[in-house]
Amino acid sequence: MRVLVTDADTPLAQALLPALCGRPGIEAVAGIALEPPRFEHPRFRALEADYRDAAAYSLLAGYDALVHLGRVRDEAGPDAL
């Protein structure tokens, strides 16, 4: 199985990536994020891209599962409402 993880530069992803890479049956894990994740493993590949951009949709090809850890990025800040 090949797994793609979004927002792979987050603390949650940093905890999840080693578990995915060490799991039998998972042959490859890719992490997509705006900044390259600080994680290294022979089964892991970092993808620096914005998954909100339609051009990044092609990165989904070839993966069997998607772990979406995306979060809302509030550009206006918490007091905007």
N, C-alpha and C. Protein backbone atom coordinates (compact mmCIF):
# COMPACT_ATOMS: atom_id res chain seq x y z
N MET A 1 0.83 -1.17 0.00
CA MET A 1 0.00 0.00 0.00
C MET A 1 0.88 1.24 0.00
N ARG A 2 0.44 2.26 -0.73
CA ARG A 2 1.12 3.54 -0.80
C ARG A 2 0.22 4.60 -0.17
N VAL A 3 0.77 5.39 0.76
CA VAL A 3 -0.02 6.34 1.55
C VAL A 3 0.51 7.76 1.35
N LEU A 4 -0.41 8.70 1.16
CA LEU A 4 -0.07 10.11 1.07
C LEU A 4 -0.65 10.83 2.28
N VAL A 5 0.17 11.62 2.97
CA VAL A 5 -0.24 12.35 4.17
C VAL A 5 -0.16 13.85 3.87
N THR A 6 -1.26 14.57 4.11
CA THR A 6 -1.24 16.02 3.93
C THR A 6 -0.78 16.70 5.22
N ASP A 7 -0.31 17.93 5.08
CA ASP A 7 0.22 18.71 6.20
C ASP A 7 1.25 17.90 6.99
N ALA A 8 2.16 17.31 6.25
CA ALA A 8 3.15 16.41 6.84
C ALA A 8 4.20 17.11 7.69
N ASP A 9 4.13 18.44 7.76
CA ASP A 9 5.08 19.19 8.58
C ASP A 9 4.53 19.50 9.98
N THR A 10 3.34 19.02 10.30
CA THR A 10 2.72 19.29 11.59
C THR A 10 3.20 18.30 12.66
N PRO A 11 3.06 18.66 13.93
CA PRO A 11 3.43 17.72 14.99
C PRO A 11 2.67 16.40 14.93
N LEU A 12 1.40 16.45 14.57
CA LEU A 12 0.61 15.22 14.46
C LEU A 12 1.19 14.31 13.38
N ALA A 13 1.52 14.88 12.25
CA ALA A 13 2.11 14.09 11.17
C ALA A 13 3.47 13.53 11.57
N GLN A 14 4.25 14.31 12.29
CA GLN A 14 5.57 13.84 12.72
C GLN A 14 5.46 12.63 13.66
N ALA A 15 4.35 12.53 14.37
CA ALA A 15 4.11 11.35 15.20
C ALA A 15 3.58 10.19 14.37
N LEU A 16 2.82 10.49 13.33
CA LEU A 16 2.20 9.45 12.51
C LEU A 16 3.16 8.85 11.49
N LEU A 17 4.02 9.64 10.89
CA LEU A 17 4.88 9.16 9.81
C LEU A 17 5.75 7.96 10.21
N PRO A 18 6.42 7.97 11.37
CA PRO A 18 7.21 6.78 11.73
C PRO A 18 6.36 5.52 11.87
N ALA A 19 5.15 5.68 12.39
CA ALA A 19 4.26 4.51 12.55
C ALA A 19 3.86 3.96 11.18
N LEU A 20 3.55 4.85 10.25
CA LEU A 20 3.18 4.39 8.90
C LEU A 20 4.36 3.72 8.21
N CYS A 21 5.52 4.34 8.29
CA CYS A 21 6.69 3.79 7.60
C CYS A 21 7.14 2.46 8.19
N GLY A 22 6.86 2.24 9.45
CA GLY A 22 7.26 0.99 10.10
C GLY A 22 6.23 -0.12 10.02
N ARG A 23 5.09 0.18 9.44
CA ARG A 23 4.00 -0.79 9.40
C ARG A 23 4.19 -1.77 8.23
N PRO A 24 4.12 -3.07 8.49
CA PRO A 24 4.20 -4.04 7.40
C PRO A 24 3.03 -3.83 6.43
N GLY A 25 3.31 -4.00 5.18
CA GLY A 25 2.26 -3.83 4.18
C GLY A 25 2.22 -2.43 3.57
N ILE A 26 2.88 -1.48 4.21
CA ILE A 26 2.97 -0.14 3.64
C ILE A 26 4.34 -0.02 2.99
N GLU A 27 4.33 0.06 1.67
CA GLU A 27 5.59 0.07 0.92
C GLU A 27 6.15 1.47 0.73
N ALA A 28 5.28 2.49 0.75
CA ALA A 28 5.74 3.86 0.55
C ALA A 28 4.81 4.85 1.22
N VAL A 29 5.40 5.92 1.75
CA VAL A 29 4.66 7.00 2.38
C VAL A 29 5.20 8.30 1.81
N ALA A 30 4.30 9.18 1.41
CA ALA A 30 4.70 10.51 0.96
C ALA A 30 3.99 11.52 1.83
N GLY A 31 4.68 12.62 2.08
CA GLY A 31 4.10 13.69 2.88
C GLY A 31 4.12 14.98 2.09
N ILE A 32 2.96 15.60 1.97
CA ILE A 32 2.86 16.86 1.25
C ILE A 32 2.65 17.99 2.26
N ALA A 33 3.40 19.07 2.07
CA ALA A 33 3.31 20.21 2.98
C ALA A 33 3.91 21.44 2.30
N LEU A 34 3.59 22.60 2.86
CA LEU A 34 4.15 23.84 2.33
C LEU A 34 5.65 23.93 2.62
N GLU A 35 6.05 23.39 3.75
CA GLU A 35 7.48 23.32 4.12
C GLU A 35 7.86 21.84 4.18
N PRO A 36 9.05 21.49 3.75
CA PRO A 36 9.44 20.08 3.78
C PRO A 36 9.42 19.53 5.21
N PRO A 37 8.81 18.37 5.41
CA PRO A 37 8.80 17.75 6.74
C PRO A 37 10.20 17.37 7.18
N ARG A 38 10.43 17.43 8.49
CA ARG A 38 11.73 17.02 9.05
C ARG A 38 11.65 15.57 9.48
N PHE A 39 11.54 14.72 8.49
CA PHE A 39 11.43 13.29 8.76
C PHE A 39 12.18 12.57 7.65
N GLU A 40 12.93 11.56 8.02
CA GLU A 40 13.65 10.77 7.04
C GLU A 40 13.43 9.29 7.31
N HIS A 41 13.17 8.58 6.25
CA HIS A 41 12.99 7.13 6.30
C HIS A 41 13.11 6.62 4.87
N PRO A 42 13.65 5.42 4.66
CA PRO A 42 13.78 4.90 3.30
C PRO A 42 12.44 4.80 2.55
N ARG A 43 11.34 4.62 3.28
CA ARG A 43 10.03 4.51 2.62
C ARG A 43 9.34 5.86 2.44
N PHE A 44 9.95 6.94 2.94
CA PHE A 44 9.28 8.24 2.94
C PHE A 44 9.83 9.17 1.86
N ARG A 45 8.91 9.91 1.28
CA ARG A 45 9.25 10.92 0.27
C ARG A 45 8.52 12.21 0.62
N ALA A 46 9.24 13.31 0.72
CA ALA A 46 8.65 14.61 1.03
C ALA A 46 8.27 15.32 -0.26
N LEU A 47 7.07 15.89 -0.27
CA LEU A 47 6.58 16.65 -1.41
C LEU A 47 6.27 18.07 -0.93
N GLU A 48 6.97 19.04 -1.45
CA GLU A 48 6.74 20.42 -1.06
C GLU A 48 5.75 21.04 -2.05
N ALA A 49 4.52 21.21 -1.60
CA ALA A 49 3.47 21.75 -2.46
C ALA A 49 2.29 22.18 -1.60
N ASP A 50 1.41 22.95 -2.20
CA ASP A 50 0.18 23.39 -1.54
C ASP A 50 -0.96 22.53 -2.09
N TYR A 51 -1.47 21.62 -1.28
CA TYR A 51 -2.51 20.71 -1.77
C TYR A 51 -3.82 21.45 -2.07
N ARG A 52 -3.95 22.70 -1.65
CA ARG A 52 -5.14 23.49 -1.97
C ARG A 52 -5.11 23.98 -3.41
N ASP A 53 -3.96 23.89 -4.04
CA ASP A 53 -3.78 24.31 -5.42
C ASP A 53 -4.16 23.15 -6.34
N ALA A 54 -5.00 23.41 -7.32
CA ALA A 54 -5.45 22.35 -8.23
C ALA A 54 -4.29 21.68 -8.94
N ALA A 55 -3.19 22.38 -9.14
CA ALA A 55 -2.03 21.79 -9.81
C ALA A 55 -1.43 20.65 -8.99
N ALA A 56 -1.67 20.64 -7.69
CA ALA A 56 -1.12 19.59 -6.83
C ALA A 56 -1.94 18.31 -6.87
N TYR A 57 -3.12 18.35 -7.46
CA TYR A 57 -3.99 17.17 -7.49
C TYR A 57 -3.32 15.99 -8.19
N SER A 58 -2.44 16.28 -9.13
CA SER A 58 -1.76 15.19 -9.85
C SER A 58 -0.87 14.38 -8.91
N LEU A 59 -0.50 14.95 -7.76
CA LEU A 59 0.34 14.23 -6.80
C LEU A 59 -0.39 13.05 -6.17
N LEU A 60 -1.72 13.05 -6.26
CA LEU A 60 -2.51 11.97 -5.67
C LEU A 60 -2.38 10.66 -6.45
N ALA A 61 -2.01 10.76 -7.70
CA ALA A 61 -1.93 9.57 -8.55
C ALA A 61 -0.93 8.56 -7.98
N GLY A 62 -1.34 7.32 -7.96
CA GLY A 62 -0.45 6.24 -7.54
C GLY A 62 -0.52 5.90 -6.07
N TYR A 63 -1.35 6.59 -5.31
CA TYR A 63 -1.49 6.29 -3.88
C TYR A 63 -2.79 5.56 -3.62
N ASP A 64 -2.75 4.65 -2.66
CA ASP A 64 -3.91 3.84 -2.31
C ASP A 64 -4.74 4.47 -1.19
N ALA A 65 -4.10 5.31 -0.39
CA ALA A 65 -4.80 5.90 0.77
C ALA A 65 -4.32 7.33 0.97
N LEU A 66 -5.23 8.14 1.49
CA LEU A 66 -4.92 9.54 1.81
C LEU A 66 -5.25 9.77 3.27
N VAL A 67 -4.26 10.28 4.02
CA VAL A 67 -4.49 10.68 5.41
C VAL A 67 -4.46 12.20 5.39
N HIS A 68 -5.64 12.80 5.51
CA HIS A 68 -5.76 14.25 5.40
C HIS A 68 -5.70 14.88 6.78
N LEU A 69 -4.57 15.50 7.08
CA LEU A 69 -4.37 16.16 8.36
C LEU A 69 -4.48 17.67 8.19
N GLY A 70 -5.06 18.09 7.07
CA GLY A 70 -5.19 19.51 6.76
C GLY A 70 -5.94 20.26 7.83
N ARG A 71 -5.56 21.49 7.96
CA ARG A 71 -6.19 22.35 8.94
C ARG A 71 -6.57 23.66 8.25
N VAL A 72 -7.49 24.37 8.84
CA VAL A 72 -7.88 25.66 8.30
C VAL A 72 -6.81 26.67 8.69
N ARG A 73 -6.30 27.34 7.71
CA ARG A 73 -5.29 28.37 7.96
C ARG A 73 -6.00 29.72 7.93
N ASP A 74 -6.19 30.29 9.07
CA ASP A 74 -6.91 31.55 9.18
C ASP A 74 -5.91 32.68 8.99
N GLU A 75 -5.90 33.21 7.78
CA GLU A 75 -4.97 34.27 7.43
C GLU A 75 -5.29 35.57 8.19
N ALA A 76 -6.57 35.76 8.58
CA ALA A 76 -6.99 37.01 9.20
C ALA A 76 -6.68 37.04 10.70
N GLY A 77 -6.46 35.89 11.30
CA GLY A 77 -6.17 35.83 12.73
C GLY A 77 -7.43 35.54 13.53
N PRO A 78 -7.26 35.23 14.80
CA PRO A 78 -8.38 34.78 15.64
C PRO A 78 -9.40 35.89 15.96
N ASP A 79 -9.02 37.15 15.82
CA ASP A 79 -9.93 38.24 16.15
C ASP A 79 -10.74 38.74 14.97
N ALA A 80 -10.63 38.07 13.83
CA ALA A 80 -11.31 38.55 12.61
C ALA A 80 -12.82 38.41 12.69
N LEU A 81 -13.32 37.49 13.50
CA LEU A 81 -14.76 37.32 13.60
C LEU A 81 -15.27 38.29 14.58
